[in-house]
Amino acid sequence: MISLLTAENLACIRGERCLFAGLSFRVEQGKALCIQGPNGAGKTSLLRLIAGFLTPESGAVRFAAKDNSEIAGAEERGKEIGWLGHQDGLKAHLTVAEQLTFFAKLYGAVPDIAPALEMAGLARQGELACRYLSAGQKKRLALARLKLIARPIWLLDEPLAALDESGKGLAADMITQHCAQGGIVLAATHEKLGTPAATLTLGAA
C-alpha cells in the first residue's frame, strides 16, 4: 500500500509552452485531491507526469510505501496506478464481459467480473458488444475496470464526463470507498466530485 504521494517542484513544458512550474503538493493515504483549472492549464499533463507517461521538465514525483521506503522509477510506480483517461481502450468487437476479463488478465487481477459488472450497473449488458455501448456505459465499464484491478493510486481524468446522475453517484461512492480502504485518488475535473477532497487549482492568477 502507498502511504504518501509527493510532487516536488514539478515543471511541465508542452509544445514550447510552460504549463506549470514549481508545483509541489502531497496526498496522503486515504485522501483525494481534486485538480481544477481552465482548459489548457495542464490538468491532464499533471496526471500523465504522475503516471510516468510524461517526463517532467524539472522536479520529481515520489511514492512512499507503508514502511516509508520509496518506490523509484516510472515503471515501478506504474504498477501502483489505476488510470482512467479520455481514451477507453475498448475493443469494439468484444462483449462487455470479454473486455473486462481481458483487462483483469492484463493487470494480473482475479477475473471475477460479475461483482464489478453489477457494481457498475452493467450486469445486463455483459453479452453486448462494446461497439453498442453509449458513452456513459463506456465510462461505467472503465469504472468497473478500475475497481477490478485494485491499484492503490487512482488517477482520474474527467471521471464524471458522460455519466448521468446515477453514474456520477456511482463514481463518487467508488472514490469514497477507495479512500476509506486506504487508497489515494487524484481527479482532474470541472465538476464537483461529490466526495470530500482537497483542491489543487492550476492556471490560477
N, C-alpha and C. Protein backbone atom coordinates (compact mmCIF):
# COMPACT_ATOMS: atom_id res chain seq x y z
N MET A 1 0.84 -1.19 0.00
CA MET A 1 0.00 0.00 0.00
C MET A 1 0.88 1.25 0.00
N ILE A 2 0.45 2.28 -0.72
CA ILE A 2 1.17 3.54 -0.77
C ILE A 2 0.69 4.44 0.36
N SER A 3 1.64 4.97 1.14
CA SER A 3 1.25 5.83 2.25
C SER A 3 1.28 7.31 1.89
N LEU A 4 2.04 7.67 0.85
CA LEU A 4 2.18 9.09 0.51
C LEU A 4 2.62 9.26 -0.94
N LEU A 5 1.97 10.19 -1.63
CA LEU A 5 2.38 10.61 -2.98
C LEU A 5 2.82 12.06 -2.86
N THR A 6 4.04 12.33 -3.34
CA THR A 6 4.60 13.68 -3.23
C THR A 6 5.06 14.18 -4.59
N ALA A 7 4.71 15.42 -4.91
CA ALA A 7 5.24 16.11 -6.08
C ALA A 7 6.11 17.25 -5.59
N GLU A 8 7.32 17.34 -6.13
CA GLU A 8 8.28 18.33 -5.67
C GLU A 8 8.76 19.20 -6.82
N ASN A 9 8.37 20.47 -6.80
CA ASN A 9 8.83 21.47 -7.77
C ASN A 9 8.69 21.02 -9.22
N LEU A 10 7.54 20.47 -9.53
CA LEU A 10 7.30 19.97 -10.89
C LEU A 10 7.16 21.11 -11.89
N ALA A 11 7.76 20.92 -13.05
CA ALA A 11 7.57 21.82 -14.17
C ALA A 11 7.23 20.99 -15.40
N CYS A 12 6.30 21.49 -16.20
CA CYS A 12 5.86 20.77 -17.40
C CYS A 12 5.82 21.72 -18.58
N ILE A 13 6.50 21.35 -19.65
CA ILE A 13 6.50 22.13 -20.89
C ILE A 13 5.96 21.25 -22.00
N ARG A 14 4.94 21.75 -22.68
CA ARG A 14 4.35 21.04 -23.82
C ARG A 14 4.28 21.99 -25.01
N GLY A 15 4.86 21.57 -26.14
CA GLY A 15 4.83 22.44 -27.32
C GLY A 15 5.47 23.79 -27.08
N GLU A 16 6.59 23.80 -26.35
CA GLU A 16 7.35 25.01 -26.03
C GLU A 16 6.59 25.97 -25.13
N ARG A 17 5.52 25.50 -24.52
CA ARG A 17 4.74 26.34 -23.60
C ARG A 17 4.82 25.75 -22.21
N CYS A 18 5.16 26.57 -21.23
CA CYS A 18 5.22 26.12 -19.85
C CYS A 18 3.81 26.10 -19.26
N LEU A 19 3.35 24.90 -18.91
CA LEU A 19 2.01 24.78 -18.33
C LEU A 19 2.02 25.10 -16.85
N PHE A 20 3.04 24.65 -16.17
CA PHE A 20 3.20 24.99 -14.75
C PHE A 20 4.66 24.76 -14.37
N ALA A 21 5.07 25.41 -13.29
CA ALA A 21 6.44 25.27 -12.78
C ALA A 21 6.42 25.47 -11.27
N GLY A 22 7.38 24.85 -10.59
CA GLY A 22 7.47 24.99 -9.15
C GLY A 22 6.27 24.43 -8.41
N LEU A 23 5.64 23.41 -8.98
CA LEU A 23 4.42 22.85 -8.40
C LEU A 23 4.76 21.75 -7.40
N SER A 24 4.33 21.94 -6.17
CA SER A 24 4.58 20.95 -5.12
C SER A 24 3.28 20.68 -4.36
N PHE A 25 3.07 19.42 -4.02
CA PHE A 25 1.92 19.04 -3.20
C PHE A 25 2.15 17.62 -2.69
N ARG A 26 1.31 17.20 -1.76
CA ARG A 26 1.38 15.83 -1.24
C ARG A 26 -0.04 15.34 -0.98
N VAL A 27 -0.23 14.05 -1.21
CA VAL A 27 -1.52 13.41 -0.95
C VAL A 27 -1.26 12.17 -0.12
N GLU A 28 -1.84 12.15 1.06
CA GLU A 28 -1.62 11.04 1.98
C GLU A 28 -2.60 9.91 1.73
N GLN A 29 -2.24 8.75 2.23
CA GLN A 29 -3.09 7.57 2.17
C GLN A 29 -4.49 7.90 2.71
N GLY A 30 -5.51 7.47 1.95
CA GLY A 30 -6.88 7.69 2.38
C GLY A 30 -7.45 9.03 1.99
N LYS A 31 -6.73 9.80 1.14
CA LYS A 31 -7.16 11.13 0.77
C LYS A 31 -7.39 11.25 -0.75
N ALA A 32 -8.19 12.25 -1.12
CA ALA A 32 -8.45 12.56 -2.52
C ALA A 32 -8.05 14.00 -2.80
N LEU A 33 -7.54 14.24 -4.01
CA LEU A 33 -7.17 15.58 -4.45
C LEU A 33 -7.89 15.87 -5.75
N CYS A 34 -8.64 16.96 -5.77
CA CYS A 34 -9.36 17.40 -6.97
C CYS A 34 -8.51 18.46 -7.67
N ILE A 35 -8.12 18.18 -8.91
CA ILE A 35 -7.28 19.10 -9.69
C ILE A 35 -8.20 19.90 -10.62
N GLN A 36 -8.19 21.21 -10.44
CA GLN A 36 -9.08 22.08 -11.20
C GLN A 36 -8.28 23.10 -11.98
N GLY A 37 -8.96 23.80 -12.89
CA GLY A 37 -8.31 24.83 -13.68
C GLY A 37 -8.93 24.89 -15.06
N PRO A 38 -8.70 25.98 -15.79
CA PRO A 38 -9.28 26.13 -17.13
C PRO A 38 -8.68 25.16 -18.13
N ASN A 39 -9.32 25.05 -19.27
CA ASN A 39 -8.78 24.21 -20.34
C ASN A 39 -7.37 24.67 -20.70
N GLY A 40 -6.47 23.71 -20.84
CA GLY A 40 -5.10 24.04 -21.20
C GLY A 40 -4.20 24.39 -20.04
N ALA A 41 -4.72 24.30 -18.81
CA ALA A 41 -3.91 24.65 -17.64
C ALA A 41 -2.91 23.56 -17.28
N GLY A 42 -3.11 22.35 -17.80
CA GLY A 42 -2.16 21.27 -17.54
C GLY A 42 -2.67 20.18 -16.63
N LYS A 43 -3.99 20.09 -16.45
CA LYS A 43 -4.55 19.07 -15.55
C LYS A 43 -4.22 17.66 -16.02
N THR A 44 -4.50 17.38 -17.29
CA THR A 44 -4.22 16.05 -17.84
C THR A 44 -2.72 15.79 -17.86
N SER A 45 -1.94 16.80 -18.22
CA SER A 45 -0.48 16.64 -18.26
C SER A 45 0.07 16.30 -16.88
N LEU A 46 -0.50 16.91 -15.84
CA LEU A 46 -0.05 16.60 -14.49
C LEU A 46 -0.32 15.14 -14.14
N LEU A 47 -1.50 14.66 -14.47
CA LEU A 47 -1.81 13.25 -14.22
C LEU A 47 -0.86 12.34 -15.00
N ARG A 48 -0.55 12.72 -16.23
CA ARG A 48 0.35 11.90 -17.05
C ARG A 48 1.78 11.92 -16.51
N LEU A 49 2.19 13.03 -15.91
CA LEU A 49 3.50 13.08 -15.26
C LEU A 49 3.55 12.11 -14.08
N ILE A 50 2.49 12.13 -13.28
CA ILE A 50 2.45 11.25 -12.11
C ILE A 50 2.43 9.78 -12.53
N ALA A 51 1.71 9.50 -13.63
CA ALA A 51 1.62 8.12 -14.12
C ALA A 51 2.91 7.64 -14.77
N GLY A 52 3.79 8.58 -15.13
CA GLY A 52 5.03 8.20 -15.80
C GLY A 52 4.92 8.19 -17.31
N PHE A 53 3.79 8.68 -17.84
CA PHE A 53 3.63 8.76 -19.30
C PHE A 53 4.44 9.92 -19.88
N LEU A 54 4.68 10.95 -19.06
CA LEU A 54 5.49 12.10 -19.46
C LEU A 54 6.62 12.27 -18.46
N THR A 55 7.70 12.91 -18.92
CA THR A 55 8.82 13.23 -18.04
C THR A 55 8.78 14.71 -17.70
N PRO A 56 8.84 15.07 -16.43
CA PRO A 56 8.79 16.49 -16.08
C PRO A 56 10.03 17.23 -16.56
N GLU A 57 9.85 18.49 -16.89
CA GLU A 57 11.00 19.33 -17.26
C GLU A 57 11.95 19.45 -16.08
N SER A 58 11.38 19.53 -14.89
CA SER A 58 12.17 19.52 -13.66
C SER A 58 11.28 19.05 -12.52
N GLY A 59 11.91 18.73 -11.41
CA GLY A 59 11.15 18.25 -10.26
C GLY A 59 11.01 16.74 -10.26
N ALA A 60 10.27 16.23 -9.30
CA ALA A 60 10.15 14.78 -9.15
C ALA A 60 8.81 14.41 -8.53
N VAL A 61 8.38 13.18 -8.86
CA VAL A 61 7.21 12.56 -8.25
C VAL A 61 7.71 11.39 -7.42
N ARG A 62 7.24 11.28 -6.19
CA ARG A 62 7.71 10.21 -5.31
C ARG A 62 6.52 9.48 -4.68
N PHE A 63 6.63 8.14 -4.65
CA PHE A 63 5.67 7.31 -3.94
C PHE A 63 6.38 6.70 -2.74
N ALA A 64 5.78 6.83 -1.57
CA ALA A 64 6.34 6.21 -0.38
C ALA A 64 5.47 5.03 0.03
N ALA A 65 6.10 3.88 0.26
CA ALA A 65 5.39 2.70 0.72
C ALA A 65 5.08 2.83 2.20
N LYS A 66 4.33 1.88 2.72
CA LYS A 66 3.91 1.96 4.12
C LYS A 66 5.09 1.93 5.08
N ASP A 67 6.19 1.28 4.68
CA ASP A 67 7.38 1.23 5.54
C ASP A 67 8.30 2.43 5.31
N ASN A 68 7.79 3.45 4.57
CA ASN A 68 8.49 4.70 4.27
C ASN A 68 9.58 4.53 3.21
N SER A 69 9.74 3.34 2.64
CA SER A 69 10.67 3.17 1.53
C SER A 69 10.08 3.81 0.28
N GLU A 70 10.94 4.30 -0.59
CA GLU A 70 10.48 4.96 -1.81
C GLU A 70 10.35 3.95 -2.95
N ILE A 71 9.26 4.06 -3.69
CA ILE A 71 9.08 3.25 -4.89
C ILE A 71 9.62 4.08 -6.05
N ALA A 72 10.80 3.72 -6.53
CA ALA A 72 11.52 4.54 -7.50
C ALA A 72 11.28 4.04 -8.93
N GLY A 73 11.34 4.97 -9.88
CA GLY A 73 11.24 4.62 -11.28
C GLY A 73 9.81 4.61 -11.78
N ALA A 74 9.61 5.14 -12.98
CA ALA A 74 8.26 5.24 -13.55
C ALA A 74 7.62 3.87 -13.73
N GLU A 75 8.42 2.86 -14.11
CA GLU A 75 7.86 1.52 -14.34
C GLU A 75 7.33 0.92 -13.04
N GLU A 76 8.09 1.05 -11.97
CA GLU A 76 7.65 0.51 -10.69
C GLU A 76 6.45 1.29 -10.16
N ARG A 77 6.47 2.61 -10.32
CA ARG A 77 5.33 3.42 -9.89
C ARG A 77 4.08 3.06 -10.67
N GLY A 78 4.27 2.73 -11.94
CA GLY A 78 3.13 2.38 -12.79
C GLY A 78 2.35 1.19 -12.29
N LYS A 79 3.02 0.28 -11.58
CA LYS A 79 2.36 -0.91 -11.04
C LYS A 79 1.40 -0.57 -9.90
N GLU A 80 1.50 0.66 -9.39
CA GLU A 80 0.65 1.08 -8.28
C GLU A 80 -0.55 1.90 -8.75
N ILE A 81 -0.64 2.15 -10.07
CA ILE A 81 -1.60 3.13 -10.58
C ILE A 81 -2.75 2.49 -11.34
N GLY A 82 -3.95 2.95 -11.02
CA GLY A 82 -5.13 2.68 -11.82
C GLY A 82 -5.47 3.95 -12.59
N TRP A 83 -5.52 3.86 -13.92
CA TRP A 83 -5.69 5.05 -14.78
C TRP A 83 -7.06 5.05 -15.43
N LEU A 84 -7.71 6.20 -15.37
CA LEU A 84 -8.97 6.39 -16.10
C LEU A 84 -8.82 7.69 -16.89
N GLY A 85 -8.70 7.55 -18.22
CA GLY A 85 -8.48 8.71 -19.08
C GLY A 85 -9.58 8.90 -20.09
N HIS A 86 -9.33 9.77 -21.07
CA HIS A 86 -10.34 10.06 -22.10
C HIS A 86 -10.51 8.88 -23.06
N GLN A 87 -9.43 8.17 -23.34
CA GLN A 87 -9.50 7.05 -24.26
C GLN A 87 -9.89 5.79 -23.50
N ASP A 88 -10.95 5.12 -23.95
CA ASP A 88 -11.45 3.97 -23.19
C ASP A 88 -10.68 2.68 -23.45
N GLY A 89 -9.97 2.60 -24.59
CA GLY A 89 -9.16 1.41 -24.88
C GLY A 89 -9.97 0.16 -25.14
N LEU A 90 -11.24 0.31 -25.50
CA LEU A 90 -12.11 -0.85 -25.69
C LEU A 90 -11.94 -1.44 -27.09
N LYS A 91 -12.07 -2.75 -27.18
CA LYS A 91 -12.12 -3.45 -28.46
C LYS A 91 -13.59 -3.59 -28.85
N ALA A 92 -13.97 -2.95 -29.94
CA ALA A 92 -15.38 -2.83 -30.30
C ALA A 92 -16.07 -4.18 -30.48
N HIS A 93 -15.33 -5.21 -30.94
CA HIS A 93 -15.95 -6.50 -31.24
C HIS A 93 -16.12 -7.38 -30.02
N LEU A 94 -15.43 -7.05 -28.92
CA LEU A 94 -15.55 -7.86 -27.71
C LEU A 94 -16.81 -7.49 -26.94
N THR A 95 -17.37 -8.46 -26.24
CA THR A 95 -18.51 -8.16 -25.38
C THR A 95 -18.00 -7.45 -24.12
N VAL A 96 -18.92 -6.87 -23.39
CA VAL A 96 -18.56 -6.20 -22.14
C VAL A 96 -17.85 -7.17 -21.20
N ALA A 97 -18.38 -8.38 -21.06
CA ALA A 97 -17.78 -9.38 -20.18
C ALA A 97 -16.39 -9.79 -20.69
N GLU A 98 -16.25 -10.00 -21.99
CA GLU A 98 -14.95 -10.37 -22.56
C GLU A 98 -13.93 -9.26 -22.36
N GLN A 99 -14.37 -8.03 -22.52
CA GLN A 99 -13.46 -6.90 -22.37
C GLN A 99 -12.95 -6.78 -20.93
N LEU A 100 -13.85 -6.94 -19.97
CA LEU A 100 -13.45 -6.83 -18.57
C LEU A 100 -12.55 -8.00 -18.17
N THR A 101 -12.82 -9.19 -18.69
CA THR A 101 -11.97 -10.34 -18.43
C THR A 101 -10.57 -10.10 -19.01
N PHE A 102 -10.50 -9.52 -20.20
CA PHE A 102 -9.22 -9.19 -20.82
C PHE A 102 -8.41 -8.25 -19.93
N PHE A 103 -9.06 -7.19 -19.44
CA PHE A 103 -8.36 -6.24 -18.58
C PHE A 103 -7.89 -6.89 -17.29
N ALA A 104 -8.72 -7.75 -16.71
CA ALA A 104 -8.34 -8.44 -15.48
C ALA A 104 -7.07 -9.25 -15.68
N LYS A 105 -7.00 -10.00 -16.77
CA LYS A 105 -5.82 -10.81 -17.04
C LYS A 105 -4.60 -9.94 -17.36
N LEU A 106 -4.84 -8.84 -18.08
CA LEU A 106 -3.75 -7.93 -18.44
C LEU A 106 -3.09 -7.34 -17.21
N TYR A 107 -3.90 -7.00 -16.21
CA TYR A 107 -3.38 -6.36 -15.00
C TYR A 107 -3.11 -7.36 -13.87
N GLY A 108 -3.24 -8.64 -14.16
CA GLY A 108 -2.93 -9.65 -13.15
C GLY A 108 -3.94 -9.72 -12.03
N ALA A 109 -5.19 -9.31 -12.31
CA ALA A 109 -6.25 -9.37 -11.31
C ALA A 109 -7.02 -10.68 -11.43
N VAL A 110 -7.70 -11.05 -10.36
CA VAL A 110 -8.57 -12.23 -10.40
C VAL A 110 -9.76 -11.90 -11.30
N PRO A 111 -9.99 -12.68 -12.37
CA PRO A 111 -11.04 -12.34 -13.33
C PRO A 111 -12.44 -12.70 -12.85
N ASP A 112 -12.79 -12.25 -11.65
CA ASP A 112 -14.14 -12.43 -11.13
C ASP A 112 -14.92 -11.17 -11.48
N ILE A 113 -15.47 -11.14 -12.69
CA ILE A 113 -16.01 -9.89 -13.23
C ILE A 113 -17.45 -9.61 -12.81
N ALA A 114 -18.18 -10.62 -12.37
CA ALA A 114 -19.60 -10.42 -12.07
C ALA A 114 -19.85 -9.32 -11.04
N PRO A 115 -19.12 -9.29 -9.90
CA PRO A 115 -19.35 -8.20 -8.94
C PRO A 115 -19.04 -6.82 -9.52
N ALA A 116 -18.00 -6.73 -10.35
CA ALA A 116 -17.64 -5.44 -10.94
C ALA A 116 -18.71 -4.96 -11.91
N LEU A 117 -19.26 -5.88 -12.70
CA LEU A 117 -20.32 -5.50 -13.63
C LEU A 117 -21.58 -5.08 -12.88
N GLU A 118 -21.90 -5.80 -11.81
CA GLU A 118 -23.07 -5.47 -11.00
C GLU A 118 -22.89 -4.09 -10.36
N MET A 119 -21.72 -3.84 -9.82
CA MET A 119 -21.42 -2.56 -9.20
C MET A 119 -21.58 -1.40 -10.19
N ALA A 120 -21.14 -1.63 -11.43
CA ALA A 120 -21.17 -0.58 -12.45
C ALA A 120 -22.52 -0.46 -13.14
N GLY A 121 -23.47 -1.31 -12.79
CA GLY A 121 -24.78 -1.26 -13.43
C GLY A 121 -24.78 -1.82 -14.83
N LEU A 122 -23.86 -2.76 -15.11
CA LEU A 122 -23.73 -3.32 -16.46
C LEU A 122 -23.99 -4.83 -16.50
N ALA A 123 -24.58 -5.37 -15.46
CA ALA A 123 -24.79 -6.82 -15.42
C ALA A 123 -25.64 -7.30 -16.60
N ARG A 124 -26.59 -6.50 -17.02
CA ARG A 124 -27.48 -6.90 -18.12
C ARG A 124 -26.85 -6.69 -19.49
N GLN A 125 -25.72 -5.98 -19.52
CA GLN A 125 -25.03 -5.72 -20.80
C GLN A 125 -23.82 -6.61 -20.99
N GLY A 126 -23.64 -7.62 -20.15
CA GLY A 126 -22.44 -8.44 -20.20
C GLY A 126 -22.16 -9.07 -21.56
N GLU A 127 -23.20 -9.47 -22.27
CA GLU A 127 -23.01 -10.13 -23.57
C GLU A 127 -23.17 -9.18 -24.75
N LEU A 128 -23.25 -7.89 -24.46
CA LEU A 128 -23.39 -6.89 -25.51
C LEU A 128 -22.01 -6.47 -26.02
N ALA A 129 -21.85 -6.40 -27.35
CA ALA A 129 -20.59 -5.96 -27.92
C ALA A 129 -20.33 -4.50 -27.53
N CYS A 130 -19.08 -4.18 -27.24
CA CYS A 130 -18.74 -2.84 -26.77
C CYS A 130 -19.07 -1.75 -27.78
N ARG A 131 -19.17 -2.11 -29.06
CA ARG A 131 -19.49 -1.10 -30.07
C ARG A 131 -20.88 -0.50 -29.86
N TYR A 132 -21.73 -1.21 -29.14
CA TYR A 132 -23.10 -0.73 -28.95
C TYR A 132 -23.29 0.04 -27.65
N LEU A 133 -22.24 0.20 -26.88
CA LEU A 133 -22.36 0.92 -25.62
C LEU A 133 -22.45 2.43 -25.86
N SER A 134 -23.23 3.10 -25.02
CA SER A 134 -23.26 4.56 -25.05
C SER A 134 -21.99 5.09 -24.38
N ALA A 135 -21.76 6.39 -24.50
CA ALA A 135 -20.59 6.99 -23.87
C ALA A 135 -20.63 6.80 -22.36
N GLY A 136 -21.81 6.93 -21.78
CA GLY A 136 -21.93 6.73 -20.34
C GLY A 136 -21.67 5.30 -19.92
N GLN A 137 -22.13 4.34 -20.73
CA GLN A 137 -21.88 2.94 -20.42
C GLN A 137 -20.40 2.60 -20.55
N LYS A 138 -19.72 3.21 -21.51
CA LYS A 138 -18.28 3.00 -21.64
C LYS A 138 -17.54 3.53 -20.41
N LYS A 139 -17.99 4.67 -19.89
CA LYS A 139 -17.37 5.21 -18.68
C LYS A 139 -17.64 4.28 -17.49
N ARG A 140 -18.84 3.73 -17.42
CA ARG A 140 -19.15 2.77 -16.35
C ARG A 140 -18.26 1.53 -16.46
N LEU A 141 -17.99 1.08 -17.68
CA LEU A 141 -17.11 -0.06 -17.87
C LEU A 141 -15.68 0.29 -17.42
N ALA A 142 -15.26 1.52 -17.69
CA ALA A 142 -13.94 1.96 -17.23
C ALA A 142 -13.88 1.98 -15.70
N LEU A 143 -14.96 2.37 -15.07
CA LEU A 143 -15.02 2.36 -13.60
C LEU A 143 -14.97 0.93 -13.08
N ALA A 144 -15.65 0.01 -13.76
CA ALA A 144 -15.61 -1.40 -13.37
C ALA A 144 -14.19 -1.94 -13.49
N ARG A 145 -13.49 -1.57 -14.53
CA ARG A 145 -12.09 -1.99 -14.71
C ARG A 145 -11.23 -1.45 -13.57
N LEU A 146 -11.43 -0.17 -13.23
CA LEU A 146 -10.68 0.45 -12.15
C LEU A 146 -10.86 -0.31 -10.84
N LYS A 147 -12.09 -0.68 -10.56
CA LYS A 147 -12.39 -1.42 -9.34
C LYS A 147 -11.75 -2.81 -9.37
N LEU A 148 -11.80 -3.45 -10.52
CA LEU A 148 -11.34 -4.83 -10.64
C LEU A 148 -9.84 -4.96 -10.47
N ILE A 149 -9.06 -4.01 -11.00
CA ILE A 149 -7.61 -4.17 -11.00
C ILE A 149 -6.99 -3.79 -9.65
N ALA A 150 -7.75 -3.09 -8.79
CA ALA A 150 -7.36 -2.89 -7.38
C ALA A 150 -5.96 -2.30 -7.21
N ARG A 151 -5.71 -1.17 -7.85
CA ARG A 151 -4.45 -0.45 -7.65
C ARG A 151 -4.63 0.62 -6.55
N PRO A 152 -3.60 0.89 -5.75
CA PRO A 152 -3.77 1.82 -4.63
C PRO A 152 -3.93 3.28 -5.02
N ILE A 153 -3.37 3.70 -6.15
CA ILE A 153 -3.46 5.09 -6.57
C ILE A 153 -4.34 5.18 -7.82
N TRP A 154 -5.39 5.97 -7.74
CA TRP A 154 -6.27 6.21 -8.89
C TRP A 154 -5.98 7.59 -9.47
N LEU A 155 -5.69 7.64 -10.75
CA LEU A 155 -5.54 8.89 -11.50
C LEU A 155 -6.70 8.98 -12.47
N LEU A 156 -7.58 9.94 -12.24
CA LEU A 156 -8.84 10.03 -12.96
C LEU A 156 -8.91 11.33 -13.74
N ASP A 157 -9.06 11.23 -15.05
CA ASP A 157 -9.17 12.41 -15.91
C ASP A 157 -10.62 12.58 -16.34
N GLU A 158 -11.28 13.59 -15.79
CA GLU A 158 -12.70 13.85 -16.02
C GLU A 158 -13.54 12.58 -15.77
N PRO A 159 -13.50 12.06 -14.56
CA PRO A 159 -14.19 10.80 -14.27
C PRO A 159 -15.71 10.88 -14.34
N LEU A 160 -16.28 12.10 -14.29
CA LEU A 160 -17.73 12.24 -14.30
C LEU A 160 -18.29 12.54 -15.69
N ALA A 161 -17.41 12.77 -16.66
CA ALA A 161 -17.86 13.11 -18.02
C ALA A 161 -18.69 11.97 -18.60
N ALA A 162 -19.79 12.32 -19.25
CA ALA A 162 -20.70 11.40 -19.96
C ALA A 162 -21.61 10.61 -19.02
N LEU A 163 -21.43 10.74 -17.73
CA LEU A 163 -22.25 9.97 -16.78
C LEU A 163 -23.54 10.72 -16.44
N ASP A 164 -24.62 9.97 -16.25
CA ASP A 164 -25.85 10.57 -15.74
C ASP A 164 -25.72 10.73 -14.22
N GLU A 165 -26.78 11.23 -13.58
CA GLU A 165 -26.68 11.48 -12.14
C GLU A 165 -26.41 10.20 -11.36
N SER A 166 -27.00 9.10 -11.78
CA SER A 166 -26.75 7.83 -11.13
C SER A 166 -25.29 7.41 -11.28
N GLY A 167 -24.75 7.61 -12.48
CA GLY A 167 -23.35 7.27 -12.73
C GLY A 167 -22.40 8.14 -11.94
N LYS A 168 -22.73 9.43 -11.80
CA LYS A 168 -21.88 10.32 -11.01
C LYS A 168 -21.91 9.90 -9.55
N GLY A 169 -23.08 9.48 -9.07
CA GLY A 169 -23.16 8.97 -7.70
C GLY A 169 -22.32 7.72 -7.52
N LEU A 170 -22.32 6.85 -8.55
CA LEU A 170 -21.50 5.64 -8.51
C LEU A 170 -20.02 6.01 -8.40
N ALA A 171 -19.56 6.95 -9.24
CA ALA A 171 -18.16 7.36 -9.22
C ALA A 171 -17.79 7.95 -7.87
N ALA A 172 -18.66 8.80 -7.32
CA ALA A 172 -18.40 9.40 -6.01
C ALA A 172 -18.31 8.34 -4.92
N ASP A 173 -19.21 7.38 -4.97
CA ASP A 173 -19.20 6.29 -3.97
C ASP A 173 -17.92 5.46 -4.08
N MET A 174 -17.48 5.19 -5.32
CA MET A 174 -16.26 4.42 -5.52
C MET A 174 -15.04 5.15 -4.96
N ILE A 175 -14.97 6.46 -5.21
CA ILE A 175 -13.85 7.25 -4.70
C ILE A 175 -13.85 7.26 -3.18
N THR A 176 -15.03 7.47 -2.61
CA THR A 176 -15.16 7.48 -1.14
C THR A 176 -14.71 6.16 -0.55
N GLN A 177 -15.15 5.06 -1.15
CA GLN A 177 -14.81 3.73 -0.65
C GLN A 177 -13.32 3.45 -0.82
N HIS A 178 -12.76 3.85 -1.96
CA HIS A 178 -11.34 3.61 -2.21
C HIS A 178 -10.48 4.33 -1.16
N CYS A 179 -10.84 5.57 -0.85
CA CYS A 179 -10.10 6.32 0.17
C CYS A 179 -10.29 5.69 1.55
N ALA A 180 -11.50 5.24 1.84
CA ALA A 180 -11.77 4.62 3.13
C ALA A 180 -10.94 3.35 3.32
N GLN A 181 -10.58 2.70 2.22
CA GLN A 181 -9.78 1.49 2.27
C GLN A 181 -8.27 1.78 2.22
N GLY A 182 -7.90 3.06 2.28
CA GLY A 182 -6.50 3.44 2.31
C GLY A 182 -5.91 3.83 0.98
N GLY A 183 -6.74 3.96 -0.05
CA GLY A 183 -6.25 4.35 -1.36
C GLY A 183 -6.03 5.85 -1.47
N ILE A 184 -5.45 6.26 -2.59
CA ILE A 184 -5.21 7.66 -2.92
C ILE A 184 -5.87 7.95 -4.25
N VAL A 185 -6.54 9.10 -4.37
CA VAL A 185 -7.22 9.48 -5.61
C VAL A 185 -6.80 10.89 -6.01
N LEU A 186 -6.40 11.06 -7.27
CA LEU A 186 -6.20 12.37 -7.87
C LEU A 186 -7.13 12.45 -9.07
N ALA A 187 -8.00 13.45 -9.08
CA ALA A 187 -9.00 13.55 -10.13
C ALA A 187 -8.98 14.94 -10.76
N ALA A 188 -8.76 15.00 -12.06
CA ALA A 188 -8.85 16.25 -12.80
C ALA A 188 -10.28 16.39 -13.30
N THR A 189 -10.95 17.44 -12.89
CA THR A 189 -12.36 17.55 -13.24
C THR A 189 -12.84 19.00 -13.19
N HIS A 190 -13.84 19.29 -14.02
CA HIS A 190 -14.50 20.59 -13.99
C HIS A 190 -15.73 20.55 -13.09
N GLU A 191 -16.06 19.36 -12.60
CA GLU A 191 -17.26 19.19 -11.79
C GLU A 191 -16.88 18.84 -10.35
N LYS A 192 -17.85 19.02 -9.45
CA LYS A 192 -17.64 18.61 -8.08
C LYS A 192 -17.64 17.09 -8.01
N LEU A 193 -16.69 16.55 -7.27
CA LEU A 193 -16.56 15.09 -7.19
C LEU A 193 -17.69 14.45 -6.41
N GLY A 194 -18.31 15.19 -5.52
CA GLY A 194 -19.38 14.61 -4.71
C GLY A 194 -18.86 13.81 -3.54
N THR A 195 -17.61 14.02 -3.19
CA THR A 195 -16.97 13.32 -2.07
C THR A 195 -15.89 14.24 -1.51
N PRO A 196 -15.55 14.15 -0.24
CA PRO A 196 -14.54 15.04 0.35
C PRO A 196 -13.20 14.95 -0.38
N ALA A 197 -12.64 16.11 -0.71
CA ALA A 197 -11.36 16.15 -1.42
C ALA A 197 -10.72 17.51 -1.23
N ALA A 198 -9.41 17.53 -1.12
CA ALA A 198 -8.67 18.79 -1.17
C ALA A 198 -8.66 19.27 -2.63
N THR A 199 -8.31 20.53 -2.84
CA THR A 199 -8.34 21.11 -4.19
C THR A 199 -6.99 21.70 -4.55
N LEU A 200 -6.54 21.39 -5.75
CA LEU A 200 -5.35 22.00 -6.34
C LEU A 200 -5.79 22.70 -7.61
N THR A 201 -5.57 24.00 -7.70
CA THR A 201 -6.01 24.76 -8.87
C THR A 201 -4.80 25.15 -9.71
N LEU A 202 -4.81 24.74 -10.98
CA LEU A 202 -3.76 25.11 -11.94
C LEU A 202 -4.20 26.31 -12.76
N GLY A 203 -3.23 27.08 -13.21
CA GLY A 203 -3.56 28.22 -14.05
C GLY A 203 -4.14 29.38 -13.31
N ALA A 204 -4.03 29.37 -11.97
CA ALA A 204 -4.56 30.48 -11.18
C ALA A 204 -3.67 31.70 -11.32
N ALA A 205 -4.29 32.87 -11.35
CA ALA A 205 -3.52 34.12 -11.49
C ALA A 205 -2.71 34.37 -10.22
